[in-house]
């Protein structure tokens, strides 16, 4: 398979679009996910929450 300049640009644009979509979904649901883990876990939550944040 030969990678032309046009194919490389399409691959890079596809990766960028995918990254922006994933980042947008993360921003939309960030607070809900943190609240979900805060409500489920009992006891010392600071270690896990510091990893998630």
PDB file of N, CA and C in Angstrom:
ATOM      1  N   UNK A   1       0.839  -1.186   0.000  1.00  0.00           N
ATOM      2  CA  UNK A   1       0.000   0.000   0.000  1.00  0.00           C
ATOM      3  C   UNK A   1       0.880   1.244   0.000  1.00  0.00           C
ATOM      4  N   UNK A   2       0.566   2.137  -0.859  1.00  0.00           N
ATOM      5  CA  UNK A   2       1.370   3.340  -0.990  1.00  0.00           C
ATOM      6  C   UNK A   2       0.639   4.509  -0.333  1.00  0.00           C
ATOM      7  N   UNK A   3       1.348   5.192   0.555  1.00  0.00           N
ATOM      8  CA  UNK A   3       0.767   6.351   1.223  1.00  0.00           C
ATOM      9  C   UNK A   3       1.105   7.610   0.440  1.00  0.00           C
ATOM     10  N   UNK A   4       0.083   8.206  -0.108  1.00  0.00           N
ATOM     11  CA  UNK A   4       0.298   9.470  -0.804  1.00  0.00           C
ATOM     12  C   UNK A   4       0.097  10.615   0.183  1.00  0.00           C
ATOM     13  N   UNK A   5       0.462  11.790  -0.252  1.00  0.00           N
ATOM     14  CA  UNK A   5       0.331  12.979   0.597  1.00  0.00           C
ATOM     15  C   UNK A   5      -1.130  13.214   0.976  1.00  0.00           C
ATOM     16  N   UNK A   6      -2.046  12.980   0.030  1.00  0.00           N
ATOM     17  CA  UNK A   6      -3.474  13.162   0.304  1.00  0.00           C
ATOM     18  C   UNK A   6      -3.966  12.175   1.356  1.00  0.00           C
ATOM     19  N   UNK A   7      -3.503  10.926   1.279  1.00  0.00           N
ATOM     20  CA  UNK A   7      -3.915   9.928   2.274  1.00  0.00           C
ATOM     21  C   UNK A   7      -3.386  10.267   3.658  1.00  0.00           C
ATOM     22  N   UNK A   8      -2.176  10.775   3.726  1.00  0.00           N
ATOM     23  CA  UNK A   8      -1.600  11.160   5.020  1.00  0.00           C
ATOM     24  C   UNK A   8      -2.413  12.301   5.628  1.00  0.00           C
ATOM     25  N   UNK A   9      -2.821  13.264   4.814  1.00  0.00           N
ATOM     26  CA  UNK A   9      -3.635  14.376   5.308  1.00  0.00           C
ATOM     27  C   UNK A   9      -4.982  13.860   5.809  1.00  0.00           C
ATOM     28  N   UNK A  10      -5.605  12.926   5.078  1.00  0.00           N
ATOM     29  CA  UNK A  10      -6.886  12.365   5.501  1.00  0.00           C
ATOM     30  C   UNK A  10      -6.746  11.610   6.827  1.00  0.00           C
ATOM     31  N   UNK A  11      -5.664  10.872   6.992  1.00  0.00           N
ATOM     32  CA  UNK A  11      -5.436  10.137   8.240  1.00  0.00           C
ATOM     33  C   UNK A  11      -5.257  11.107   9.398  1.00  0.00           C
ATOM     34  N   UNK A  12      -4.462  12.152   9.196  1.00  0.00           N
ATOM     35  CA  UNK A  12      -4.230  13.136  10.253  1.00  0.00           C
ATOM     36  C   UNK A  12      -5.531  13.852  10.617  1.00  0.00           C
ATOM     37  N   UNK A  13      -6.320  14.242   9.618  1.00  0.00           N
ATOM     38  CA  UNK A  13      -7.601  14.899   9.896  1.00  0.00           C
ATOM     39  C   UNK A  13      -8.555  13.961  10.627  1.00  0.00           C
ATOM     40  N   UNK A  14      -8.562  12.695  10.264  1.00  0.00           N
ATOM     41  CA  UNK A  14      -9.409  11.719  10.947  1.00  0.00           C
ATOM     42  C   UNK A  14      -9.023  11.564  12.406  1.00  0.00           C
ATOM     43  N   UNK A  15      -7.734  11.514  12.681  1.00  0.00           N
ATOM     44  CA  UNK A  15      -7.259  11.407  14.068  1.00  0.00           C
ATOM     45  C   UNK A  15      -7.618  12.658  14.853  1.00  0.00           C
ATOM     46  N   UNK A  16      -7.456  13.830  14.237  1.00  0.00           N
ATOM     47  CA  UNK A  16      -7.806  15.081  14.914  1.00  0.00           C
ATOM     48  C   UNK A  16      -9.300  15.155  15.228  1.00  0.00           C
ATOM     49  N   UNK A  17     -10.147  14.786  14.266  1.00  0.00           N
ATOM     50  CA  UNK A  17     -11.593  14.815  14.493  1.00  0.00           C
ATOM     51  C   UNK A  17     -11.969  13.839  15.605  1.00  0.00           C
ATOM     52  N   UNK A  18     -11.405  12.652  15.573  1.00  0.00           N
ATOM     53  CA  UNK A  18     -11.682  11.655  16.598  1.00  0.00           C
ATOM     54  C   UNK A  18     -11.259  12.174  17.971  1.00  0.00           C
ATOM     55  N   UNK A  19     -10.097  12.802  18.047  1.00  0.00           N
ATOM     56  CA  UNK A  19      -9.610  13.339  19.321  1.00  0.00           C
ATOM     57  C   UNK A  19     -10.519  14.448  19.843  1.00  0.00           C
ATOM     58  N   UNK A  20     -10.967  15.327  18.960  1.00  0.00           N
ATOM     59  CA  UNK A  20     -11.850  16.417  19.385  1.00  0.00           C
ATOM     60  C   UNK A  20     -13.175  15.869  19.890  1.00  0.00           C
ATOM     61  N   UNK A  21     -13.712  14.849  19.228  1.00  0.00           N
ATOM     62  CA  UNK A  21     -14.982  14.252  19.666  1.00  0.00           C
ATOM     63  C   UNK A  21     -14.817  13.610  21.041  1.00  0.00           C
ATOM     64  N   UNK A  22     -13.749  12.851  21.243  1.00  0.00           N
ATOM     65  CA  UNK A  22     -13.516  12.209  22.536  1.00  0.00           C
ATOM     66  C   UNK A  22     -13.333  13.268  23.624  1.00  0.00           C
ATOM     67  N   UNK A  23     -12.592  14.327  23.341  1.00  0.00           N
ATOM     68  CA  UNK A  23     -12.382  15.394  24.317  1.00  0.00           C
ATOM     69  C   UNK A  23     -13.698  16.098  24.643  1.00  0.00           C
ATOM     70  N   UNK A  24     -14.542  16.324  23.642  1.00  0.00           N
ATOM     71  CA  UNK A  24     -15.836  16.948  23.867  1.00  0.00           C
ATOM     72  C   UNK A  24     -16.740  16.094  24.737  1.00  0.00           C
ATOM     73  N   UNK A  25     -16.763  14.793  24.479  1.00  0.00           N
ATOM     74  CA  UNK A  25     -17.563  13.887  25.310  1.00  0.00           C
ATOM     75  C   UNK A  25     -17.028  13.884  26.733  1.00  0.00           C
ATOM     76  N   UNK A  26     -15.722  13.910  26.888  1.00  0.00           N
ATOM     77  CA  UNK A  26     -15.123  13.967  28.227  1.00  0.00           C
ATOM     78  C   UNK A  26     -15.562  15.236  28.963  1.00  0.00           C
ATOM     79  N   UNK A  27     -15.516  16.373  28.279  1.00  0.00           N
ATOM     80  CA  UNK A  27     -15.904  17.629  28.924  1.00  0.00           C
ATOM     81  C   UNK A  27     -17.383  17.632  29.303  1.00  0.00           C
ATOM     82  N   UNK A  28     -18.232  17.045  28.462  1.00  0.00           N
ATOM     83  CA  UNK A  28     -19.660  17.020  28.753  1.00  0.00           C
ATOM     84  C   UNK A  28     -19.988  16.165  29.975  1.00  0.00           C
ATOM     85  N   UNK A  29     -19.317  15.025  30.102  1.00  0.00           N
ATOM     86  CA  UNK A  29     -19.671  14.068  31.139  1.00  0.00           C
ATOM     87  C   UNK A  29     -18.706  14.045  32.318  1.00  0.00           C
ATOM     88  N   UNK A  30     -17.738  14.948  32.348  1.00  0.00           N
ATOM     89  CA  UNK A  30     -16.724  14.952  33.404  1.00  0.00           C
ATOM     90  C   UNK A  30     -17.351  15.053  34.785  1.00  0.00           C
ATOM     91  N   UNK A  31     -18.241  15.991  34.983  1.00  0.00           N
ATOM     92  CA  UNK A  31     -18.843  16.178  36.304  1.00  0.00           C
ATOM     93  C   UNK A  31     -19.734  15.012  36.688  1.00  0.00           C
ATOM     94  N   UNK A  32     -20.431  14.427  35.720  1.00  0.00           N
ATOM     95  CA  UNK A  32     -21.307  13.304  36.019  1.00  0.00           C
ATOM     96  C   UNK A  32     -20.508  12.079  36.439  1.00  0.00           C
ATOM     97  N   UNK A  33     -19.376  11.850  35.774  1.00  0.00           N
ATOM     98  CA  UNK A  33     -18.543  10.692  36.105  1.00  0.00           C
ATOM     99  C   UNK A  33     -17.947  10.858  37.496  1.00  0.00           C
ATOM    100  N   UNK A  34     -17.473  12.050  37.822  1.00  0.00           N
ATOM    101  CA  UNK A  34     -16.906  12.279  39.152  1.00  0.00           C
ATOM    102  C   UNK A  34     -17.965  12.117  40.225  1.00  0.00           C
ATOM    103  N   UNK A  35     -19.177  12.630  39.998  1.00  0.00           N
ATOM    104  CA  UNK A  35     -20.251  12.469  40.967  1.00  0.00           C
ATOM    105  C   UNK A  35     -20.641  11.007  41.113  1.00  0.00           C
ATOM    106  N   UNK A  36     -20.622  10.276  40.008  1.00  0.00           N
ATOM    107  CA  UNK A  36     -20.936   8.854  40.043  1.00  0.00           C
ATOM    108  C   UNK A  36     -19.970   8.112  40.951  1.00  0.00           C
ATOM    109  N   UNK A  37     -18.671   8.371  40.812  1.00  0.00           N
ATOM    110  CA  UNK A  37     -17.689   7.691  41.646  1.00  0.00           C
ATOM    111  C   UNK A  37     -17.758   8.174  43.095  1.00  0.00           C
ATOM    112  N   UNK A  38     -18.094   9.441  43.305  1.00  0.00           N
ATOM    113  CA  UNK A  38     -18.224   9.942  44.674  1.00  0.00           C
ATOM    114  C   UNK A  38     -19.364   9.241  45.404  1.00  0.00           C
ATOM    115  N   UNK A  39     -20.459   8.971  44.707  1.00  0.00           N
ATOM    116  CA  UNK A  39     -21.614   8.345  45.334  1.00  0.00           C
ATOM    117  C   UNK A  39     -21.428   6.845  45.525  1.00  0.00           C
ATOM    118  N   UNK A  40     -20.723   6.190  44.615  1.00  0.00           N
ATOM    119  CA  UNK A  40     -20.573   4.733  44.704  1.00  0.00           C
ATOM    120  C   UNK A  40     -19.556   4.338  45.768  1.00  0.00           C
ATOM    121  N   UNK A  41     -18.447   5.013  45.813  1.00  0.00           N
ATOM    122  CA  UNK A  41     -17.370   4.599  46.699  1.00  0.00           C
ATOM    123  C   UNK A  41     -17.612   5.080  48.116  1.00  0.00           C
ATOM    124  N   UNK A  42     -17.297   4.225  49.063  1.00  0.00           N
ATOM    125  CA  UNK A  42     -17.375   4.640  50.451  1.00  0.00           C
ATOM    126  C   UNK A  42     -15.977   4.778  51.013  1.00  0.00           C
ATOM    127  N   UNK A  43     -15.863   5.437  52.133  1.00  0.00           N
ATOM    128  CA  UNK A  43     -14.562   5.544  52.786  1.00  0.00           C
ATOM    129  C   UNK A  43     -13.666   6.570  52.138  1.00  0.00           C
ATOM    130  N   UNK A  44     -12.367   6.227  52.024  1.00  0.00           N
ATOM    131  CA  UNK A  44     -11.358   7.159  51.512  1.00  0.00           C
ATOM    132  C   UNK A  44     -11.406   7.189  49.987  1.00  0.00           C
ATOM    133  N   UNK A  45     -11.894   8.288  49.448  1.00  0.00           N
ATOM    134  CA  UNK A  45     -12.048   8.417  47.999  1.00  0.00           C
ATOM    135  C   UNK A  45     -10.973   9.301  47.384  1.00  0.00           C
ATOM    136  N   UNK A  46     -10.141   9.900  48.201  1.00  0.00           N
ATOM    137  CA  UNK A  46      -9.227  10.915  47.677  1.00  0.00           C
ATOM    138  C   UNK A  46      -8.216  10.353  46.690  1.00  0.00           C
ATOM    139  N   UNK A  47      -7.753   9.134  46.887  1.00  0.00           N
ATOM    140  CA  UNK A  47      -6.739   8.566  45.998  1.00  0.00           C
ATOM    141  C   UNK A  47      -7.317   8.330  44.612  1.00  0.00           C
ATOM    142  N   UNK A  48      -8.472   7.672  44.534  1.00  0.00           N
ATOM    143  CA  UNK A  48      -9.071   7.384  43.241  1.00  0.00           C
ATOM    144  C   UNK A  48      -9.512   8.655  42.545  1.00  0.00           C
ATOM    145  N   UNK A  49     -10.114   9.583  43.274  1.00  0.00           N
ATOM    146  CA  UNK A  49     -10.581  10.817  42.654  1.00  0.00           C
ATOM    147  C   UNK A  49      -9.422  11.675  42.164  1.00  0.00           C
ATOM    148  N   UNK A  50      -8.301  11.624  42.844  1.00  0.00           N
ATOM    149  CA  UNK A  50      -7.144  12.385  42.366  1.00  0.00           C
ATOM    150  C   UNK A  50      -6.598  11.781  41.077  1.00  0.00           C
ATOM    151  N   UNK A  51      -6.748  10.472  40.898  1.00  0.00           N
ATOM    152  CA  UNK A  51      -6.315   9.836  39.658  1.00  0.00           C
ATOM    153  C   UNK A  51      -7.262  10.195  38.511  1.00  0.00           C
ATOM    154  N   UNK A  52      -8.556  10.272  38.792  1.00  0.00           N
ATOM    155  CA  UNK A  52      -9.526  10.570  37.748  1.00  0.00           C
ATOM    156  C   UNK A  52      -9.429  12.025  37.328  1.00  0.00           C
ATOM    157  N   UNK A  53      -9.255  12.930  38.290  1.00  0.00           N
ATOM    158  CA  UNK A  53      -9.183  14.349  37.965  1.00  0.00           C
ATOM    159  C   UNK A  53      -7.869  14.611  37.325  1.00  0.00           C
TER     160      UNK A  53
END
